[in-house]
């Protein structure tokens, strides 16, 4: 999956917490969104303060799709979406990072068929 397909898929399923998301969809979505938000905030801080506000709005608009693709990524590794709460405890983010980097289960699992 290329970066644009990943972003389109994540925003197309922005409130879909069911199913599974491939590693490429998850990682490309976060890379593209973080680069865009970072560039807007950096440009806003350096030259045009209005761009920092636009960067904040883009970040806010991508919050729900980010949660949805994260839950679907956990589903791909055959874990409940509630594992996302592990990010609230110290070093839980590192455990989640390991989960996100693991390949998904091959074939169908309890959250649906293998994503294409």
PDB file of N, CA and C in Angstrom:
ATOM      1  N   UNK A   1       0.858  -1.170   0.000  1.00  0.00           N
ATOM      2  CA  UNK A   1       0.000   0.000   0.000  1.00  0.00           C
ATOM      3  C   UNK A   1       0.906   1.234   0.000  1.00  0.00           C
ATOM      4  N   UNK A   2       0.656   2.135  -0.935  1.00  0.00           N
ATOM      5  CA  UNK A   2       1.470   3.354  -0.982  1.00  0.00           C
ATOM      6  C   UNK A   2       0.927   4.396  -0.001  1.00  0.00           C
ATOM      7  N   UNK A   3       1.693   5.469   0.242  1.00  0.00           N
ATOM      8  CA  UNK A   3       1.288   6.442   1.262  1.00  0.00           C
ATOM      9  C   UNK A   3      -0.081   7.074   1.017  1.00  0.00           C
ATOM     10  N   UNK A   4      -0.393   7.419  -0.208  1.00  0.00           N
ATOM     11  CA  UNK A   4      -1.676   8.069  -0.471  1.00  0.00           C
ATOM     12  C   UNK A   4      -2.841   7.108  -0.266  1.00  0.00           C
ATOM     13  N   UNK A   5      -2.673   5.852  -0.649  1.00  0.00           N
ATOM     14  CA  UNK A   5      -3.715   4.863  -0.417  1.00  0.00           C
ATOM     15  C   UNK A   5      -3.936   4.663   1.081  1.00  0.00           C
ATOM     16  N   UNK A   6      -2.854   4.674   1.839  1.00  0.00           N
ATOM     17  CA  UNK A   6      -2.965   4.493   3.290  1.00  0.00           C
ATOM     18  C   UNK A   6      -3.736   5.641   3.923  1.00  0.00           C
ATOM     19  N   UNK A   7      -3.430   6.866   3.528  1.00  0.00           N
ATOM     20  CA  UNK A   7      -4.116   8.029   4.085  1.00  0.00           C
ATOM     21  C   UNK A   7      -5.583   8.023   3.653  1.00  0.00           C
ATOM     22  N   UNK A   8      -5.836   7.715   2.392  1.00  0.00           N
ATOM     23  CA  UNK A   8      -7.220   7.652   1.915  1.00  0.00           C
ATOM     24  C   UNK A   8      -8.001   6.562   2.641  1.00  0.00           C
ATOM     25  N   UNK A   9      -7.370   5.422   2.861  1.00  0.00           N
ATOM     26  CA  UNK A   9      -8.043   4.329   3.557  1.00  0.00           C
ATOM     27  C   UNK A   9      -8.341   4.705   5.005  1.00  0.00           C
ATOM     28  N   UNK A  10      -7.385   5.333   5.670  1.00  0.00           N
ATOM     29  CA  UNK A  10      -7.585   5.716   7.076  1.00  0.00           C
ATOM     30  C   UNK A  10      -8.664   6.779   7.204  1.00  0.00           C
ATOM     31  N   UNK A  11      -8.640   7.790   6.337  1.00  0.00           N
ATOM     32  CA  UNK A  11      -9.673   8.821   6.409  1.00  0.00           C
ATOM     33  C   UNK A  11     -11.014   8.301   5.891  1.00  0.00           C
ATOM     34  N   UNK A  12     -10.990   7.346   4.965  1.00  0.00           N
ATOM     35  CA  UNK A  12     -12.232   6.747   4.477  1.00  0.00           C
ATOM     36  C   UNK A  12     -12.914   5.897   5.536  1.00  0.00           C
ATOM     37  N   UNK A  13     -12.129   5.330   6.435  1.00  0.00           N
ATOM     38  CA  UNK A  13     -12.653   4.518   7.536  1.00  0.00           C
ATOM     39  C   UNK A  13     -12.458   5.251   8.858  1.00  0.00           C
ATOM     40  N   UNK A  14     -12.670   6.558   8.860  1.00  0.00           N
ATOM     41  CA  UNK A  14     -12.294   7.395   9.993  1.00  0.00           C
ATOM     42  C   UNK A  14     -13.006   7.043  11.284  1.00  0.00           C
ATOM     43  N   UNK A  15     -14.176   6.439  11.214  1.00  0.00           N
ATOM     44  CA  UNK A  15     -14.898   6.063  12.431  1.00  0.00           C
ATOM     45  C   UNK A  15     -15.165   4.566  12.473  1.00  0.00           C
ATOM     46  N   UNK A  16     -14.434   3.807  11.684  1.00  0.00           N
ATOM     47  CA  UNK A  16     -14.604   2.363  11.629  1.00  0.00           C
ATOM     48  C   UNK A  16     -13.591   1.710  12.563  1.00  0.00           C
ATOM     49  N   UNK A  17     -14.069   1.223  13.683  1.00  0.00           N
ATOM     50  CA  UNK A  17     -13.204   0.574  14.654  1.00  0.00           C
ATOM     51  C   UNK A  17     -13.285  -0.943  14.530  1.00  0.00           C
ATOM     52  N   UNK A  18     -13.923  -1.429  13.498  1.00  0.00           N
ATOM     53  CA  UNK A  18     -14.046  -2.865  13.247  1.00  0.00           C
ATOM     54  C   UNK A  18     -13.129  -3.245  12.099  1.00  0.00           C
ATOM     55  N   UNK A  19     -12.712  -4.487  12.088  1.00  0.00           N
ATOM     56  CA  UNK A  19     -11.868  -4.970  11.009  1.00  0.00           C
ATOM     57  C   UNK A  19     -10.399  -4.857  11.359  1.00  0.00           C
ATOM     58  N   UNK A  20      -9.590  -4.915  10.310  1.00  0.00           N
ATOM     59  CA  UNK A  20      -8.143  -4.975  10.494  1.00  0.00           C
ATOM     60  C   UNK A  20      -7.449  -3.973   9.582  1.00  0.00           C
ATOM     61  N   UNK A  21      -6.290  -3.495  10.010  1.00  0.00           N
ATOM     62  CA  UNK A  21      -5.475  -2.586   9.202  1.00  0.00           C
ATOM     63  C   UNK A  21      -4.072  -3.167   9.078  1.00  0.00           C
ATOM     64  N   UNK A  22      -3.556  -3.180   7.866  1.00  0.00           N
ATOM     65  CA  UNK A  22      -2.208  -3.684   7.634  1.00  0.00           C
ATOM     66  C   UNK A  22      -1.158  -2.771   8.249  1.00  0.00           C
ATOM     67  N   UNK A  23       0.038  -3.301   8.407  1.00  0.00           N
ATOM     68  CA  UNK A  23       1.145  -2.487   8.918  1.00  0.00           C
ATOM     69  C   UNK A  23       1.397  -1.287   8.030  1.00  0.00           C
ATOM     70  N   UNK A  24       1.378  -1.489   6.734  1.00  0.00           N
ATOM     71  CA  UNK A  24       1.682  -0.377   5.827  1.00  0.00           C
ATOM     72  C   UNK A  24       0.645   0.729   5.945  1.00  0.00           C
ATOM     73  N   UNK A  25      -0.624   0.363   6.075  1.00  0.00           N
ATOM     74  CA  UNK A  25      -1.654   1.387   6.231  1.00  0.00           C
ATOM     75  C   UNK A  25      -1.406   2.179   7.498  1.00  0.00           C
ATOM     76  N   UNK A  26      -1.139   1.521   8.596  1.00  0.00           N
ATOM     77  CA  UNK A  26      -0.921   2.196   9.880  1.00  0.00           C
ATOM     78  C   UNK A  26       0.297   3.119   9.821  1.00  0.00           C
ATOM     79  N   UNK A  27       1.428   2.577   9.398  1.00  0.00           N
ATOM     80  CA  UNK A  27       2.668   3.365   9.446  1.00  0.00           C
ATOM     81  C   UNK A  27       2.666   4.501   8.439  1.00  0.00           C
ATOM     82  N   UNK A  28       2.185   4.247   7.214  1.00  0.00           N
ATOM     83  CA  UNK A  28       2.159   5.334   6.233  1.00  0.00           C
ATOM     84  C   UNK A  28       1.217   6.449   6.676  1.00  0.00           C
ATOM     85  N   UNK A  29       0.090   6.101   7.264  1.00  0.00           N
ATOM     86  CA  UNK A  29      -0.842   7.123   7.743  1.00  0.00           C
ATOM     87  C   UNK A  29      -0.148   8.010   8.774  1.00  0.00           C
ATOM     88  N   UNK A  30       0.502   7.405   9.743  1.00  0.00           N
ATOM     89  CA  UNK A  30       1.133   8.211  10.778  1.00  0.00           C
ATOM     90  C   UNK A  30       2.318   9.013  10.264  1.00  0.00           C
ATOM     91  N   UNK A  31       3.092   8.479   9.338  1.00  0.00           N
ATOM     92  CA  UNK A  31       4.221   9.236   8.776  1.00  0.00           C
ATOM     93  C   UNK A  31       3.697  10.447   8.015  1.00  0.00           C
ATOM     94  N   UNK A  32       2.728  10.250   7.138  1.00  0.00           N
ATOM     95  CA  UNK A  32       2.222  11.350   6.319  1.00  0.00           C
ATOM     96  C   UNK A  32       1.568  12.425   7.189  1.00  0.00           C
ATOM     97  N   UNK A  33       0.710  12.020   8.121  1.00  0.00           N
ATOM     98  CA  UNK A  33       0.024  13.004   8.963  1.00  0.00           C
ATOM     99  C   UNK A  33       1.018  13.768   9.825  1.00  0.00           C
ATOM    100  N   UNK A  34       1.994  13.089  10.420  1.00  0.00           N
ATOM    101  CA  UNK A  34       2.967  13.776  11.269  1.00  0.00           C
ATOM    102  C   UNK A  34       3.873  14.708  10.472  1.00  0.00           C
ATOM    103  N   UNK A  35       4.227  14.329   9.259  1.00  0.00           N
ATOM    104  CA  UNK A  35       5.043  15.216   8.426  1.00  0.00           C
ATOM    105  C   UNK A  35       4.249  16.462   8.038  1.00  0.00           C
ATOM    106  N   UNK A  36       2.989  16.281   7.651  1.00  0.00           N
ATOM    107  CA  UNK A  36       2.170  17.430   7.258  1.00  0.00           C
ATOM    108  C   UNK A  36       1.934  18.359   8.440  1.00  0.00           C
ATOM    109  N   UNK A  37       1.537  17.806   9.577  1.00  0.00           N
ATOM    110  CA  UNK A  37       1.295  18.642  10.756  1.00  0.00           C
ATOM    111  C   UNK A  37       2.578  19.312  11.213  1.00  0.00           C
ATOM    112  N   UNK A  38       3.670  18.572  11.238  1.00  0.00           N
ATOM    113  CA  UNK A  38       4.953  19.142  11.645  1.00  0.00           C
ATOM    114  C   UNK A  38       5.403  20.260  10.720  1.00  0.00           C
ATOM    115  N   UNK A  39       5.231  20.075   9.422  1.00  0.00           N
ATOM    116  CA  UNK A  39       5.634  21.111   8.471  1.00  0.00           C
ATOM    117  C   UNK A  39       4.780  22.362   8.637  1.00  0.00           C
ATOM    118  N   UNK A  40       3.488  22.187   8.852  1.00  0.00           N
ATOM    119  CA  UNK A  40       2.616  23.350   9.032  1.00  0.00           C
ATOM    120  C   UNK A  40       2.938  24.091  10.328  1.00  0.00           C
ATOM    121  N   UNK A  41       3.169  23.373  11.391  1.00  0.00           N
ATOM    122  CA  UNK A  41       3.482  24.019  12.665  1.00  0.00           C
ATOM    123  C   UNK A  41       4.849  24.691  12.599  1.00  0.00           C
ATOM    124  N   UNK A  42       5.822  24.031  11.977  1.00  0.00           N
ATOM    125  CA  UNK A  42       7.155  24.622  11.842  1.00  0.00           C
ATOM    126  C   UNK A  42       7.106  25.876  10.980  1.00  0.00           C
ATOM    127  N   UNK A  43       6.409  25.784   9.853  1.00  0.00           N
ATOM    128  CA  UNK A  43       6.291  26.958   8.979  1.00  0.00           C
ATOM    129  C   UNK A  43       5.521  28.063   9.684  1.00  0.00           C
ATOM    130  N   UNK A  44       4.543  27.680  10.488  1.00  0.00           N
ATOM    131  CA  UNK A  44       3.774  28.675  11.228  1.00  0.00           C
ATOM    132  C   UNK A  44       4.613  29.370  12.277  1.00  0.00           C
ATOM    133  N   UNK A  45       5.470  28.620  12.935  1.00  0.00           N
ATOM    134  CA  UNK A  45       6.323  29.221  13.942  1.00  0.00           C
ATOM    135  C   UNK A  45       7.416  30.069  13.328  1.00  0.00           C
ATOM    136  N   UNK A  46       7.842  29.726  12.125  1.00  0.00           N
ATOM    137  CA  UNK A  46       8.946  30.432  11.494  1.00  0.00           C
ATOM    138  C   UNK A  46       8.494  31.662  10.719  1.00  0.00           C
ATOM    139  N   UNK A  47       7.408  31.551   9.975  1.00  0.00           N
ATOM    140  CA  UNK A  47       7.066  32.650   9.080  1.00  0.00           C
ATOM    141  C   UNK A  47       5.616  33.109   9.171  1.00  0.00           C
ATOM    142  N   UNK A  48       4.709  32.185   9.062  1.00  0.00           N
ATOM    143  CA  UNK A  48       3.292  32.541   9.011  1.00  0.00           C
ATOM    144  C   UNK A  48       2.552  31.918  10.192  1.00  0.00           C
ATOM    145  N   UNK A  49       2.269  32.702  11.223  1.00  0.00           N
ATOM    146  CA  UNK A  49       1.605  32.134  12.403  1.00  0.00           C
ATOM    147  C   UNK A  49       0.255  31.489  12.110  1.00  0.00           C
ATOM    148  N   UNK A  50      -0.415  31.888  11.062  1.00  0.00           N
ATOM    149  CA  UNK A  50      -1.703  31.278  10.729  1.00  0.00           C
ATOM    150  C   UNK A  50      -1.534  29.810  10.352  1.00  0.00           C
ATOM    151  N   UNK A  51      -0.367  29.456   9.790  1.00  0.00           N
ATOM    152  CA  UNK A  51      -0.140  28.058   9.421  1.00  0.00           C
ATOM    153  C   UNK A  51      -0.045  27.160  10.646  1.00  0.00           C
ATOM    154  N   UNK A  52       0.423  27.689  11.764  1.00  0.00           N
ATOM    155  CA  UNK A  52       0.478  26.885  12.990  1.00  0.00           C
ATOM    156  C   UNK A  52      -0.936  26.511  13.418  1.00  0.00           C
ATOM    157  N   UNK A  53      -1.867  27.432  13.280  1.00  0.00           N
ATOM    158  CA  UNK A  53      -3.262  27.126  13.593  1.00  0.00           C
ATOM    159  C   UNK A  53      -3.837  26.097  12.646  1.00  0.00           C
ATOM    160  N   UNK A  54      -3.477  26.197  11.365  1.00  0.00           N
ATOM    161  CA  UNK A  54      -3.937  25.206  10.385  1.00  0.00           C
ATOM    162  C   UNK A  54      -3.353  23.841  10.730  1.00  0.00           C
ATOM    163  N   UNK A  55      -2.089  23.821  11.137  1.00  0.00           N
ATOM    164  CA  UNK A  55      -1.471  22.556  11.547  1.00  0.00           C
ATOM    165  C   UNK A  55      -2.183  21.948  12.741  1.00  0.00           C
ATOM    166  N   UNK A  56      -2.572  22.793  13.689  1.00  0.00           N
ATOM    167  CA  UNK A  56      -3.339  22.303  14.832  1.00  0.00           C
ATOM    168  C   UNK A  56      -4.690  21.742  14.426  1.00  0.00           C
ATOM    169  N   UNK A  57      -5.343  22.393  13.485  1.00  0.00           N
ATOM    170  CA  UNK A  57      -6.635  21.901  12.998  1.00  0.00           C
ATOM    171  C   UNK A  57      -6.486  20.577  12.250  1.00  0.00           C
ATOM    172  N   UNK A  58      -5.423  20.462  11.463  1.00  0.00           N
ATOM    173  CA  UNK A  58      -5.181  19.201  10.746  1.00  0.00           C
ATOM    174  C   UNK A  58      -4.913  18.084  11.752  1.00  0.00           C
ATOM    175  N   UNK A  59      -4.130  18.394  12.786  1.00  0.00           N
ATOM    176  CA  UNK A  59      -3.871  17.405  13.826  1.00  0.00           C
ATOM    177  C   UNK A  59      -5.136  16.984  14.548  1.00  0.00           C
ATOM    178  N   UNK A  60      -5.989  17.946  14.838  1.00  0.00           N
ATOM    179  CA  UNK A  60      -7.256  17.649  15.498  1.00  0.00           C
ATOM    180  C   UNK A  60      -8.178  16.835  14.586  1.00  0.00           C
ATOM    181  N   UNK A  61      -8.195  17.178  13.305  1.00  0.00           N
ATOM    182  CA  UNK A  61      -9.038  16.455  12.355  1.00  0.00           C
ATOM    183  C   UNK A  61      -8.566  15.023  12.145  1.00  0.00           C
ATOM    184  N   UNK A  62      -7.294  14.760  12.363  1.00  0.00           N
ATOM    185  CA  UNK A  62      -6.774  13.412  12.166  1.00  0.00           C
ATOM    186  C   UNK A  62      -6.801  12.574  13.439  1.00  0.00           C
ATOM    187  N   UNK A  63      -7.314  13.120  14.543  1.00  0.00           N
ATOM    188  CA  UNK A  63      -7.332  12.381  15.810  1.00  0.00           C
ATOM    189  C   UNK A  63      -8.234  11.151  15.748  1.00  0.00           C
ATOM    190  N   UNK A  64      -9.469  11.297  15.303  1.00  0.00           N
ATOM    191  CA  UNK A  64     -10.385  10.146  15.232  1.00  0.00           C
ATOM    192  C   UNK A  64      -9.909   9.103  14.221  1.00  0.00           C
ATOM    193  N   UNK A  65      -9.463   9.493  13.008  1.00  0.00           N
ATOM    194  CA  UNK A  65      -8.920   8.471  12.109  1.00  0.00           C
ATOM    195  C   UNK A  65      -7.696   7.768  12.690  1.00  0.00           C
ATOM    196  N   UNK A  66      -6.876   8.500  13.456  1.00  0.00           N
ATOM    197  CA  UNK A  66      -5.697   7.878  14.069  1.00  0.00           C
ATOM    198  C   UNK A  66      -6.105   6.838  15.107  1.00  0.00           C
ATOM    199  N   UNK A  67      -7.100   7.149  15.911  1.00  0.00           N
ATOM    200  CA  UNK A  67      -7.582   6.172  16.889  1.00  0.00           C
ATOM    201  C   UNK A  67      -8.162   4.945  16.192  1.00  0.00           C
ATOM    202  N   UNK A  68      -8.934   5.176  15.131  1.00  0.00           N
ATOM    203  CA  UNK A  68      -9.560   4.064  14.419  1.00  0.00           C
ATOM    204  C   UNK A  68      -8.522   3.158  13.765  1.00  0.00           C
ATOM    205  N   UNK A  69      -7.523   3.739  13.101  1.00  0.00           N
ATOM    206  CA  UNK A  69      -6.528   2.902  12.438  1.00  0.00           C
ATOM    207  C   UNK A  69      -5.650   2.192  13.475  1.00  0.00           C
ATOM    208  N   UNK A  70      -5.457   2.797  14.628  1.00  0.00           N
ATOM    209  CA  UNK A  70      -4.692   2.154  15.690  1.00  0.00           C
ATOM    210  C   UNK A  70      -5.438   0.940  16.237  1.00  0.00           C
ATOM    211  N   UNK A  71      -6.730   1.090  16.470  1.00  0.00           N
ATOM    212  CA  UNK A  71      -7.526  -0.039  16.953  1.00  0.00           C
ATOM    213  C   UNK A  71      -7.565  -1.139  15.900  1.00  0.00           C
ATOM    214  N   UNK A  72      -7.727  -0.772  14.643  1.00  0.00           N
ATOM    215  CA  UNK A  72      -7.755  -1.788  13.587  1.00  0.00           C
ATOM    216  C   UNK A  72      -6.407  -2.471  13.436  1.00  0.00           C
ATOM    217  N   UNK A  73      -5.310  -1.749  13.705  1.00  0.00           N
ATOM    218  CA  UNK A  73      -3.979  -2.355  13.663  1.00  0.00           C
ATOM    219  C   UNK A  73      -3.828  -3.371  14.800  1.00  0.00           C
ATOM    220  N   UNK A  74      -4.332  -3.022  15.979  1.00  0.00           N
ATOM    221  CA  UNK A  74      -4.305  -3.990  17.083  1.00  0.00           C
ATOM    222  C   UNK A  74      -5.148  -5.216  16.744  1.00  0.00           C
ATOM    223  N   UNK A  75      -6.269  -5.014  16.077  1.00  0.00           N
ATOM    224  CA  UNK A  75      -7.095  -6.141  15.656  1.00  0.00           C
ATOM    225  C   UNK A  75      -6.326  -7.044  14.692  1.00  0.00           C
ATOM    226  N   UNK A  76      -5.488  -6.462  13.844  1.00  0.00           N
ATOM    227  CA  UNK A  76      -4.728  -7.261  12.888  1.00  0.00           C
ATOM    228  C   UNK A  76      -3.746  -8.176  13.597  1.00  0.00           C
ATOM    229  N   UNK A  77      -3.280  -7.775  14.768  1.00  0.00           N
ATOM    230  CA  UNK A  77      -2.379  -8.628  15.548  1.00  0.00           C
ATOM    231  C   UNK A  77      -3.160  -9.494  16.534  1.00  0.00           C
ATOM    232  N   UNK A  78      -4.480  -9.577  16.346  1.00  0.00           N
ATOM    233  CA  UNK A  78      -5.390 -10.389  17.149  1.00  0.00           C
ATOM    234  C   UNK A  78      -5.413  -9.957  18.616  1.00  0.00           C
ATOM    235  N   UNK A  79      -5.404  -8.634  18.811  1.00  0.00           N
ATOM    236  CA  UNK A  79      -5.531  -8.062  20.149  1.00  0.00           C
ATOM    237  C   UNK A  79      -6.742  -7.140  20.175  1.00  0.00           C
ATOM    238  N   UNK A  80      -7.321  -7.008  21.338  1.00  0.00           N
ATOM    239  CA  UNK A  80      -8.460  -6.121  21.501  1.00  0.00           C
ATOM    240  C   UNK A  80      -8.015  -4.666  21.344  1.00  0.00           C
ATOM    241  N   UNK A  81      -8.932  -3.831  20.894  1.00  0.00           N
ATOM    242  CA  UNK A  81      -8.637  -2.407  20.777  1.00  0.00           C
ATOM    243  C   UNK A  81      -8.406  -1.740  22.115  1.00  0.00           C
ATOM    244  N   UNK A  82      -8.827  -2.374  23.185  1.00  0.00           N
ATOM    245  CA  UNK A  82      -8.604  -1.816  24.521  1.00  0.00           C
ATOM    246  C   UNK A  82      -7.124  -1.786  24.904  1.00  0.00           C
ATOM    247  N   UNK A  83      -6.296  -2.514  24.176  1.00  0.00           N
ATOM    248  CA  UNK A  83      -4.853  -2.458  24.410  1.00  0.00           C
ATOM    249  C   UNK A  83      -4.312  -1.052  24.181  1.00  0.00           C
ATOM    250  N   UNK A  84      -5.040  -0.213  23.478  1.00  0.00           N
ATOM    251  CA  UNK A  84      -4.605   1.159  23.243  1.00  0.00           C
ATOM    252  C   UNK A  84      -4.438   1.912  24.564  1.00  0.00           C
ATOM    253  N   UNK A  85      -5.182   1.502  25.577  1.00  0.00           N
ATOM    254  CA  UNK A  85      -5.079   2.137  26.887  1.00  0.00           C
ATOM    255  C   UNK A  85      -3.729   1.888  27.554  1.00  0.00           C
ATOM    256  N   UNK A  86      -2.989   0.926  27.050  1.00  0.00           N
ATOM    257  CA  UNK A  86      -1.654   0.663  27.573  1.00  0.00           C
ATOM    258  C   UNK A  86      -0.744   1.874  27.383  1.00  0.00           C
ATOM    259  N   UNK A  87      -1.071   2.713  26.417  1.00  0.00           N
ATOM    260  CA  UNK A  87      -0.290   3.924  26.178  1.00  0.00           C
ATOM    261  C   UNK A  87      -0.400   4.935  27.308  1.00  0.00           C
ATOM    262  N   UNK A  88      -1.320   4.739  28.223  1.00  0.00           N
ATOM    263  CA  UNK A  88      -1.506   5.665  29.340  1.00  0.00           C
ATOM    264  C   UNK A  88      -0.612   5.343  30.537  1.00  0.00           C
ATOM    265  N   UNK A  89       0.031   4.192  30.530  1.00  0.00           N
ATOM    266  CA  UNK A  89       0.907   3.824  31.641  1.00  0.00           C
ATOM    267  C   UNK A  89       2.361   4.005  31.223  1.00  0.00           C
ATOM    268  N   UNK A  90       3.272   4.201  32.186  1.00  0.00           N
ATOM    269  CA  UNK A  90       4.681   4.373  31.836  1.00  0.00           C
ATOM    270  C   UNK A  90       5.209   3.176  31.043  1.00  0.00           C
ATOM    271  N   UNK A  91       5.910   3.474  29.991  1.00  0.00           N
ATOM    272  CA  UNK A  91       6.520   2.511  29.082  1.00  0.00           C
ATOM    273  C   UNK A  91       5.507   1.664  28.316  1.00  0.00           C
ATOM    274  N   UNK A  92       4.243   1.949  28.453  1.00  0.00           N
ATOM    275  CA  UNK A  92       3.227   1.228  27.695  1.00  0.00           C
ATOM    276  C   UNK A  92       3.307   1.541  26.208  1.00  0.00           C
ATOM    277  N   UNK A  93       3.736   2.760  25.893  1.00  0.00           N
ATOM    278  CA  UNK A  93       3.895   3.127  24.490  1.00  0.00           C
ATOM    279  C   UNK A  93       4.935   2.273  23.786  1.00  0.00           C
ATOM    280  N   UNK A  94       5.975   1.862  24.514  1.00  0.00           N
ATOM    281  CA  UNK A  94       6.993   0.992  23.912  1.00  0.00           C
ATOM    282  C   UNK A  94       6.418  -0.387  23.607  1.00  0.00           C
ATOM    283  N   UNK A  95       5.571  -0.885  24.500  1.00  0.00           N
ATOM    284  CA  UNK A  95       4.926  -2.177  24.254  1.00  0.00           C
ATOM    285  C   UNK A  95       4.010  -2.064  23.040  1.00  0.00           C
ATOM    286  N   UNK A  96       3.260  -0.972  22.957  1.00  0.00           N
ATOM    287  CA  UNK A  96       2.388  -0.771  21.794  1.00  0.00           C
ATOM    288  C   UNK A  96       3.205  -0.667  20.516  1.00  0.00           C
ATOM    289  N   UNK A  97       4.355  -0.023  20.581  1.00  0.00           N
ATOM    290  CA  UNK A  97       5.219   0.090  19.407  1.00  0.00           C
ATOM    291  C   UNK A  97       5.630  -1.289  18.909  1.00  0.00           C
ATOM    292  N   UNK A  98       5.931  -2.182  19.824  1.00  0.00           N
ATOM    293  CA  UNK A  98       6.273  -3.555  19.447  1.00  0.00           C
ATOM    294  C   UNK A  98       5.067  -4.242  18.804  1.00  0.00           C
ATOM    295  N   UNK A  99       3.880  -4.039  19.381  1.00  0.00           N
ATOM    296  CA  UNK A  99       2.670  -4.630  18.800  1.00  0.00           C
ATOM    297  C   UNK A  99       2.441  -4.123  17.387  1.00  0.00           C
ATOM    298  N   UNK A 100       2.622  -2.822  17.173  1.00  0.00           N
ATOM    299  CA  UNK A 100       2.365  -2.230  15.864  1.00  0.00           C
ATOM    300  C   UNK A 100       3.382  -2.681  14.824  1.00  0.00           C
ATOM    301  N   UNK A 101       4.583  -3.015  15.270  1.00  0.00           N
ATOM    302  CA  UNK A 101       5.629  -3.436  14.341  1.00  0.00           C
ATOM    303  C   UNK A 101       5.517  -4.914  13.969  1.00  0.00           C
ATOM    304  N   UNK A 102       4.786  -5.689  14.740  1.00  0.00           N
ATOM    305  CA  UNK A 102       4.638  -7.113  14.455  1.00  0.00           C
ATOM    306  C   UNK A 102       3.766  -7.331  13.228  1.00  0.00           C
ATOM    307  N   UNK A 103       4.038  -8.400  12.486  1.00  0.00           N
ATOM    308  CA  UNK A 103       3.144  -8.710  11.371  1.00  0.00           C
ATOM    309  C   UNK A 103       1.784  -9.149  11.895  1.00  0.00           C
ATOM    310  N   UNK A 104       0.761  -8.905  11.108  1.00  0.00           N
ATOM    311  CA  UNK A 104      -0.576  -9.335  11.478  1.00  0.00           C
ATOM    312  C   UNK A 104      -0.713 -10.838  11.362  1.00  0.00           C
ATOM    313  N   UNK A 105      -1.744 -11.362  11.970  1.00  0.00           N
ATOM    314  CA  UNK A 105      -1.973 -12.801  11.859  1.00  0.00           C
ATOM    315  C   UNK A 105      -2.371 -13.124  10.424  1.00  0.00           C
ATOM    316  N   UNK A 106      -1.809 -14.199   9.909  1.00  0.00           N
ATOM    317  CA  UNK A 106      -2.147 -14.578   8.533  1.00  0.00           C
ATOM    318  C   UNK A 106      -3.480 -15.315   8.542  1.00  0.00           C
ATOM    319  N   UNK A 107      -4.263 -15.036   7.545  1.00  0.00           N
ATOM    320  CA  UNK A 107      -5.584 -15.631   7.462  1.00  0.00           C
ATOM    321  C   UNK A 107      -6.552 -14.918   8.384  1.00  0.00           C
ATOM    322  N   UNK A 108      -7.766 -15.406   8.452  1.00  0.00           N
ATOM    323  CA  UNK A 108      -8.757 -14.742   9.297  1.00  0.00           C
ATOM    324  C   UNK A 108      -8.431 -14.929  10.780  1.00  0.00           C
ATOM    325  N   UNK A 109      -8.799 -13.923  11.563  1.00  0.00           N
ATOM    326  CA  UNK A 109      -8.703 -14.044  13.018  1.00  0.00           C
ATOM    327  C   UNK A 109     -10.045 -13.622  13.604  1.00  0.00           C
ATOM    328  N   UNK A 110     -10.118 -13.424  14.902  1.00  0.00           N
ATOM    329  CA  UNK A 110     -11.398 -13.140  15.533  1.00  0.00           C
ATOM    330  C   UNK A 110     -11.957 -11.756  15.185  1.00  0.00           C
ATOM    331  N   UNK A 111     -11.170 -10.928  14.465  1.00  0.00           N
ATOM    332  CA  UNK A 111     -11.625  -9.588  14.090  1.00  0.00           C
ATOM    333  C   UNK A 111     -11.930  -9.446  12.614  1.00  0.00           C
ATOM    334  N   UNK A 112     -11.819 -10.529  11.875  1.00  0.00           N
ATOM    335  CA  UNK A 112     -12.194 -10.471  10.476  1.00  0.00           C
ATOM    336  C   UNK A 112     -11.181 -11.147   9.573  1.00  0.00           C
ATOM    337  N   UNK A 113     -11.438 -11.077   8.266  1.00  0.00           N
ATOM    338  CA  UNK A 113     -10.530 -11.692   7.310  1.00  0.00           C
ATOM    339  C   UNK A 113      -9.237 -10.892   7.172  1.00  0.00           C
ATOM    340  N   UNK A 114      -8.248 -11.534   6.603  1.00  0.00           N
ATOM    341  CA  UNK A 114      -6.966 -10.887   6.370  1.00  0.00           C
ATOM    342  C   UNK A 114      -7.160  -9.700   5.436  1.00  0.00           C
ATOM    343  N   UNK A 115      -6.650  -8.492   5.801  1.00  0.00           N
ATOM    344  CA  UNK A 115      -6.811  -7.349   4.892  1.00  0.00           C
ATOM    345  C   UNK A 115      -6.047  -7.574   3.601  1.00  0.00           C
ATOM    346  N   UNK A 116      -6.536  -6.998   2.548  1.00  0.00           N
ATOM    347  CA  UNK A 116      -5.927  -7.195   1.224  1.00  0.00           C
ATOM    348  C   UNK A 116      -4.544  -6.645   1.134  1.00  0.00           C
TER     349      UNK A 116
END
